[in-house]
Protein backbone atom coordinates (compact mmCIF):
# COMPACT_ATOMS: atom_id res chain seq x y z
CA MET A 1 -7.45 -20.25 -14.46
CA LEU A 2 -6.39 -18.68 -11.36
CA GLU A 3 -2.67 -19.80 -10.18
CA PHE A 4 -2.24 -18.75 -6.61
CA HIS A 5 1.20 -18.96 -4.60
CA GLY A 6 -0.58 -18.05 -1.28
CA ALA A 7 0.26 -17.79 2.40
CA GLU A 8 3.10 -20.09 2.47
CA HIS A 9 4.86 -17.14 1.08
CA ILE A 10 3.63 -14.90 3.61
CA ASP A 11 6.20 -15.40 6.81
CA GLN A 12 4.03 -15.35 10.01
CA GLU A 13 6.98 -16.15 12.03
CA ARG A 14 8.68 -12.58 10.56
CA LEU A 15 5.41 -10.91 11.40
CA LYS A 16 5.02 -12.07 15.01
CA ASN A 17 8.85 -11.06 15.08
CA ASP A 18 8.47 -7.48 13.63
CA ALA A 19 4.96 -6.21 15.64
CA MET A 20 7.18 -7.19 19.25
CA THR A 21 10.22 -5.27 18.32
CA GLY A 22 8.09 -2.41 17.38
CA LEU A 23 6.10 -2.70 20.58
CA THR A 24 9.18 -3.29 22.44
CA ALA A 25 11.47 -0.51 20.37
CA PRO A 26 11.85 2.74 22.71
CA ALA A 27 9.37 4.66 20.52
CA ALA A 28 6.62 1.80 19.85
CA SER A 29 5.87 1.90 15.93
CA LEU A 30 4.25 -0.64 14.02
CA PRO A 31 4.56 -0.40 10.29
CA PRO A 32 1.17 -0.04 7.64
CA LYS A 33 1.12 -3.66 6.57
CA PHE A 34 -0.31 -4.48 10.06
CA PHE A 35 -3.43 -2.98 9.08
CA TYR A 36 -4.52 -5.56 5.82
CA ASP A 37 -6.07 -8.37 7.56
CA GLU A 38 -9.29 -9.17 5.85
CA LEU A 39 -11.66 -6.79 8.20
CA GLY A 40 -8.53 -3.91 7.46
CA SER A 41 -8.79 -4.03 3.68
CA LYS A 42 -12.35 -4.06 3.82
CA LEU A 43 -12.81 -0.54 5.94
CA PHE A 44 -10.16 0.68 4.01
CA GLU A 45 -12.17 0.12 1.01
CA ALA A 46 -14.93 1.93 2.85
CA ILE A 47 -12.41 4.53 3.84
CA THR A 48 -11.85 5.15 -0.32
CA ALA A 49 -15.32 6.19 -0.23
CA LEU A 50 -15.44 8.80 2.47
CA PRO A 51 -15.75 12.68 0.95
CA GLU A 52 -12.73 13.68 3.30
CA TYR A 53 -10.63 11.06 1.07
CA GLN A 54 -9.98 12.13 -2.27
CA VAL A 55 -7.36 10.18 -3.23
CA THR A 56 -8.94 6.95 -5.06
CA ARG A 57 -11.55 9.14 -6.80
CA LEU A 58 -8.81 11.98 -7.89
CA GLU A 59 -6.89 9.24 -9.58
CA THR A 60 -9.58 6.84 -11.00
CA ASP A 61 -11.12 10.51 -12.95
CA LEU A 62 -7.20 11.05 -13.51
CA VAL A 63 -6.84 7.58 -15.02
CA SER A 64 -10.11 7.94 -17.37
CA LYS A 65 -8.91 11.13 -18.47
CA GLU A 66 -5.72 9.74 -19.87
CA LEU A 67 -6.16 5.86 -20.30
CA GLY A 68 -6.18 6.54 -23.90
CA ALA A 69 -2.58 8.49 -23.88
CA LEU A 70 -0.75 7.03 -20.99
CA SER A 71 -1.54 3.36 -23.59
CA ARG A 72 0.29 4.07 -26.32
CA ILE A 73 3.61 4.17 -24.31
CA ILE A 74 2.94 1.14 -21.69
CA PRO A 75 4.01 -1.88 -23.76
CA GLN A 76 1.31 -4.14 -24.76
CA HIS A 77 0.49 -7.59 -23.93
CA ALA A 78 3.17 -6.99 -20.73
CA CYS A 79 3.44 -8.79 -16.98
CA LEU A 80 1.55 -6.45 -15.13
CA VAL A 81 2.71 -6.58 -11.51
CA ASP A 82 0.14 -5.06 -9.08
CA LEU A 83 1.65 -3.73 -6.07
CA GLY A 84 -0.88 -4.28 -3.32
CA ALA A 85 -3.30 -5.26 -5.22
CA GLY A 86 -6.30 -5.55 -2.98
CA ASN A 87 -9.43 -5.87 -4.74
CA CYS A 88 -7.62 -5.46 -8.38
CA GLN A 89 -9.89 -3.23 -9.79
CA LYS A 90 -7.29 -0.49 -10.44
CA ALA A 91 -5.34 -2.65 -12.49
CA VAL A 92 -8.91 -3.68 -14.63
CA ARG A 93 -9.02 -0.65 -16.12
CA TRP A 94 -6.07 -1.10 -18.16
CA PHE A 95 -6.57 -5.19 -19.56
CA ASP A 96 -8.51 -3.49 -22.62
CA THR A 97 -5.87 -0.98 -23.69
CA ILE A 98 -2.45 -2.77 -22.87
CA HIS A 99 -3.88 -6.07 -22.88
CA PRO A 100 -1.33 -7.44 -20.77
CA SER A 101 -0.32 -11.53 -20.97
CA VAL A 102 -0.04 -11.85 -17.48
CA TYR A 103 -1.27 -10.77 -14.17
CA LEU A 104 0.58 -10.64 -11.21
CA ALA A 105 -1.04 -9.18 -8.01
CA MET A 106 0.93 -8.89 -5.05
CA ASP A 107 -0.96 -8.41 -1.43
CA ILE A 108 -0.31 -9.00 1.89
CA ALA A 109 -4.04 -9.38 2.75
CA VAL A 110 -4.12 -13.09 0.96
CA GLY A 111 -7.90 -13.87 2.30
CA PHE A 112 -9.39 -10.56 0.93
CA MET A 113 -7.65 -10.54 -2.16
CA ARG A 114 -7.93 -13.98 -3.19
CA PRO A 115 -11.76 -14.00 -3.89
CA CYS A 116 -11.39 -11.37 -6.11
CA LEU A 117 -9.14 -13.06 -8.84
CA GLN A 118 -10.92 -15.56 -8.75
CA LYS A 119 -13.82 -13.59 -10.12
CA LEU A 120 -11.02 -11.41 -12.21
CA ALA A 121 -9.23 -14.90 -13.88
CA GLU A 122 -13.00 -15.87 -14.65
CA GLY A 123 -13.79 -12.48 -16.14
CA HIS A 124 -10.34 -12.86 -18.37
CA PRO A 125 -9.26 -16.12 -19.76
CA GLU A 126 -7.37 -14.90 -22.12
CA ILE A 127 -4.96 -13.52 -19.12
CA ARG A 128 -2.70 -15.69 -16.77
CA VAL A 129 -4.30 -14.48 -13.40
CA VAL A 130 -1.55 -15.21 -11.13
CA GLY A 131 -2.32 -14.20 -7.39
CA LEU A 132 0.84 -14.00 -4.69
CA GLY A 133 0.86 -13.25 -1.15
CA THR A 134 3.24 -11.76 -0.42
CA ASP A 135 4.61 -8.94 2.14
CA PHE A 136 6.52 -6.86 -1.09
CA ALA A 137 7.48 -4.28 1.38
CA SER A 138 10.04 -6.27 3.17
CA GLU A 139 11.01 -8.78 0.29
CA PHE A 140 12.03 -6.49 -3.36
CA PRO A 141 9.27 -7.81 -6.18
CA HIS A 142 11.29 -8.27 -8.18
CA ALA A 143 13.02 -11.54 -5.56
CA THR A 144 9.09 -12.58 -6.01
CA VAL A 145 8.24 -12.21 -9.40
CA ASN A 146 11.63 -13.99 -10.52
CA ARG A 147 9.79 -17.06 -8.55
CA ILE A 148 7.03 -17.01 -11.66
CA ASN A 149 7.83 -18.57 -14.46
CA ILE A 150 6.27 -15.31 -16.80
CA ALA A 151 8.32 -16.34 -20.03
CA ALA A 152 9.33 -13.46 -22.34
CA ALA A 153 7.54 -11.11 -21.55
CA PRO A 154 8.01 -7.94 -20.25
CA VAL A 155 7.42 -6.65 -16.75
CA VAL A 156 5.12 -3.62 -15.71
CA TYR A 157 5.00 -2.67 -12.22
CA PHE A 158 1.51 -1.03 -11.57
CA TYR A 159 1.62 1.01 -8.05
CA PRO A 160 -1.06 3.49 -8.17
CA GLY A 161 -3.25 4.61 -4.59
CA SER A 162 0.34 6.51 -3.45
CA SER A 163 0.76 4.06 -0.91
CA ILE A 164 4.34 4.94 -1.80
CA GLY A 165 4.34 7.14 0.69
CA ASN A 166 4.48 4.89 3.81
CA PHE A 167 8.02 4.88 2.85
CA SER A 168 10.35 7.50 4.01
CA PRO A 169 11.61 9.02 0.94
CA GLU A 170 15.00 6.98 1.48
CA SER A 171 13.07 3.72 1.41
CA ALA A 172 11.06 4.83 -1.21
CA GLN A 173 13.75 5.63 -3.16
CA ALA A 174 15.72 2.04 -2.45
CA PHE A 175 12.30 0.21 -3.32
CA LEU A 176 11.97 1.65 -6.61
CA ALA A 177 15.45 1.35 -7.13
CA GLY A 178 15.44 -2.24 -6.59
CA LEU A 179 12.01 -2.98 -9.48
CA ARG A 180 14.73 -2.14 -11.64
CA GLN A 181 16.47 -5.38 -11.13
CA THR A 182 13.43 -7.28 -12.80
CA PRO A 183 14.67 -8.93 -15.52
CA ARG A 184 13.20 -7.49 -18.74
CA PHE A 185 11.80 -4.64 -16.24
CA ALA A 186 10.49 -2.28 -19.04
CA GLY A 187 8.82 0.43 -16.39
CA LEU A 188 6.90 1.43 -13.44
CA LEU A 189 3.17 3.45 -13.31
CA ILE A 190 3.14 5.39 -10.06
CA GLY A 191 0.76 7.26 -8.36
CA VAL A 192 0.80 9.63 -6.33
CA ASP A 193 -0.83 11.73 -3.50
CA LEU A 194 0.36 15.80 -3.46
CA LEU A 195 1.21 18.43 -0.66
CA LYS A 196 -2.18 20.13 0.09
CA PRO A 197 -3.14 22.48 3.10
CA GLU A 198 -2.88 20.62 6.32
CA LYS A 199 -6.68 21.15 6.98
CA GLU A 200 -7.43 19.00 4.41
CA LEU A 201 -4.59 16.22 4.50
CA VAL A 202 -6.16 15.50 8.19
CA ALA A 203 -9.78 15.67 7.39
CA ALA A 204 -8.76 12.72 5.40
CA TYR A 205 -7.05 10.54 7.86
CA ASP A 206 -9.55 11.80 10.69
CA ASP A 207 -13.33 11.44 9.17
CA PRO A 208 -15.47 12.90 11.04
CA LEU A 209 -17.51 9.15 10.95
CA GLY A 210 -14.16 7.72 12.43
CA VAL A 211 -14.22 4.77 9.65
CA THR A 212 -10.19 5.92 9.43
CA ALA A 213 -10.58 6.08 13.34
CA SER A 214 -12.04 1.68 13.45
CA PHE A 215 -9.06 1.13 11.07
CA ASN A 216 -6.22 2.37 12.98
CA LYS A 217 -7.64 0.76 16.15
CA ASN A 218 -8.25 -2.88 14.15
CA ILE A 219 -4.67 -3.57 14.29
CA LEU A 220 -4.80 -3.65 17.90
CA LEU A 221 -7.48 -6.43 16.83
CA HIS A 222 -5.06 -8.38 14.47
CA LEU A 223 -2.25 -8.38 16.73
CA ASN A 224 -4.28 -9.77 19.03
CA ARG A 225 -4.63 -13.05 17.36
CA LEU A 226 -1.40 -12.71 16.12
CA LEU A 227 0.63 -12.49 19.05
CA GLY A 228 -2.27 -13.77 21.60
CA ALA A 229 -2.17 -10.06 22.88
CA ASP A 230 -4.72 -8.18 24.77
CA PHE A 231 -4.88 -5.20 23.84
CA VAL A 232 -8.75 -3.76 24.59
CA LEU A 233 -9.73 -1.42 22.06
CA GLU A 234 -11.86 0.97 24.22
CA ASN A 235 -8.64 2.01 26.01
CA TRP A 236 -7.19 3.97 22.78
CA GLN A 237 -7.94 6.44 20.63
CA HIS A 238 -7.36 7.45 17.01
CA VAL A 239 -4.87 10.02 16.44
CA ALA A 240 -4.12 12.17 12.76
CA LEU A 241 -1.41 14.53 12.48
CA PHE A 242 0.59 16.33 9.93
CA ASP A 243 4.17 17.18 10.30
CA SER A 244 4.97 19.84 8.18
CA PHE A 245 9.02 19.67 8.58
CA HIS A 246 8.80 15.60 6.55
CA GLY A 247 6.13 16.31 4.77
CA ARG A 248 3.86 13.85 5.75
CA ILE A 249 0.50 12.96 7.50
CA GLU A 250 0.95 10.85 10.83
CA MET A 251 -1.40 8.01 12.24
CA HIS A 252 -1.60 7.10 16.02
CA LEU A 253 -3.27 5.30 18.67
CA GLU A 254 -2.87 6.91 21.70
CA SER A 255 -3.60 5.25 25.06
CA ARG A 256 -6.02 6.77 26.78
CA VAL A 257 -5.09 5.32 30.27
CA GLU A 258 -2.27 3.67 32.81
CA GLN A 259 -2.35 -0.02 31.23
CA SER A 260 -0.21 -2.94 30.75
CA VAL A 261 -0.43 -5.07 27.38
CA THR A 262 0.50 -8.76 27.68
CA TRP A 263 1.47 -10.85 24.88
CA GLN A 264 2.40 -14.94 23.81
CA GLY A 265 5.91 -15.90 25.34
CA GLY A 266 5.46 -13.75 28.31
CA GLY A 267 6.35 -10.40 26.33
CA HIS A 268 4.66 -7.04 27.71
CA ARG A 269 4.88 -3.10 27.95
CA LYS A 270 3.22 -0.52 30.04
CA PHE A 271 1.66 2.59 28.49
CA GLN A 272 1.28 5.85 29.71
CA ARG A 273 -1.56 7.70 29.79
CA ALA A 274 -0.98 9.71 26.40
CA ALA A 275 1.88 7.31 25.47
CA ARG A 276 1.95 6.74 21.77
CA ILE A 277 1.93 3.62 18.79
CA HIS A 278 3.04 5.12 15.85
CA THR A 279 0.90 3.29 13.17
CA GLU A 280 1.39 4.85 9.85
CA ASN A 281 3.46 7.97 7.71
CA SER A 282 2.10 9.14 4.68
CA TYR A 283 4.64 11.06 2.62
CA LYS A 284 3.21 13.82 0.51
CA TYR A 285 5.36 15.52 -2.38
CA ASP A 286 4.75 18.26 -4.84
CA LEU A 287 5.45 17.22 -8.53
CA GLN A 288 9.10 18.15 -9.14
CA SER A 289 9.94 16.53 -5.70
CA PHE A 290 8.38 13.60 -6.37
CA ALA A 291 10.18 13.49 -10.30
CA ASP A 292 13.36 13.95 -7.77
CA LEU A 293 13.00 10.84 -6.36
CA LEU A 294 12.35 8.96 -9.43
CA LEU A 295 15.71 10.14 -11.10
CA ARG A 296 17.72 9.38 -7.85
CA ALA A 297 16.70 5.75 -7.91
CA GLY A 298 17.57 5.34 -11.86
CA TYR A 299 14.48 6.25 -13.24
CA SER A 300 13.70 8.17 -16.31
CA VAL A 301 9.93 9.93 -16.13
CA LYS A 302 8.84 9.49 -20.00
CA LYS A 303 5.20 10.93 -18.56
CA THR A 304 3.97 13.10 -15.65
CA VAL A 305 -0.23 13.61 -15.98
CA SER A 306 -1.91 15.19 -12.83
CA SER A 307 -5.26 15.92 -11.87
CA SER A 308 -6.69 19.53 -12.23
CA ALA A 309 -6.93 20.11 -8.69
CA SER A 310 -2.98 19.14 -8.17
CA GLY A 311 -4.64 16.46 -5.73
CA VAL A 312 -2.56 13.51 -7.65
CA ALA A 313 0.17 12.78 -10.06
CA LEU A 314 0.88 9.85 -12.50
CA TYR A 315 4.27 8.81 -13.16
CA TRP A 316 5.44 6.51 -15.97
CA ALA A 317 9.15 5.98 -16.22
CA THR A 318 11.63 3.60 -17.86
């Protein structure tokens, strides 16, 4: 049976304040959490099927290859905490090898995650399935895990898909260090997208079908609902670029025209033609630089595996 601690854990007023703060900053920006309403989550699923976006496929292939070896060193019958669970399918692959006693799925896209979790709970009655709607990038996950009674099970965090790249290296270090404060913390299994040639990286975030552009522009529809704003999608275009100095892909929304945007409570901003709203950073690492980041966050890296194409890596750290 599914236990769900739903939308009451997502503070709508905080979301609104975060959005307005970003829109009125000297350089307008929005955190990636605003991508993941129900439509945005479905668009991201479509992105993972694009030939240009290889992260998900490479990671899936890597897990298939290394599942046995990793399962021998990850604690059995743990509480598996899935950060950014989405449709939960990445975690399901581990069920028959590490046999979690509890599966705790966290995601901000409650409407998208709930039916996926319901189906999973029906298919795995032997596992206690818990859903938690939360903005875990703002609330340290250990604080929310502590609100769920998971008995004496060791806690294993699962963070696939290279979403850690949305944090700056300094913020990533603080976030990962925070996970270790969880009672009975046993380890972290994390996926990382590795540095590649610039042309390949940019193509993954600016596909010719325009799916990523739709994903990026959907954030404006989300803001229209959340804030009562009046963004006009046709007035904006998607921009993806690689910042080689910081080692990151950036996504922006660029104004096609001079325009003013308003939202509830009298909020407004004028955008000049070519002005941008910064919507995402995705930092890329090499194998050693991410291992060093884990070390600075207080971890000991026990095993690292990477794809033959050096596209992605998985780290097991305690």
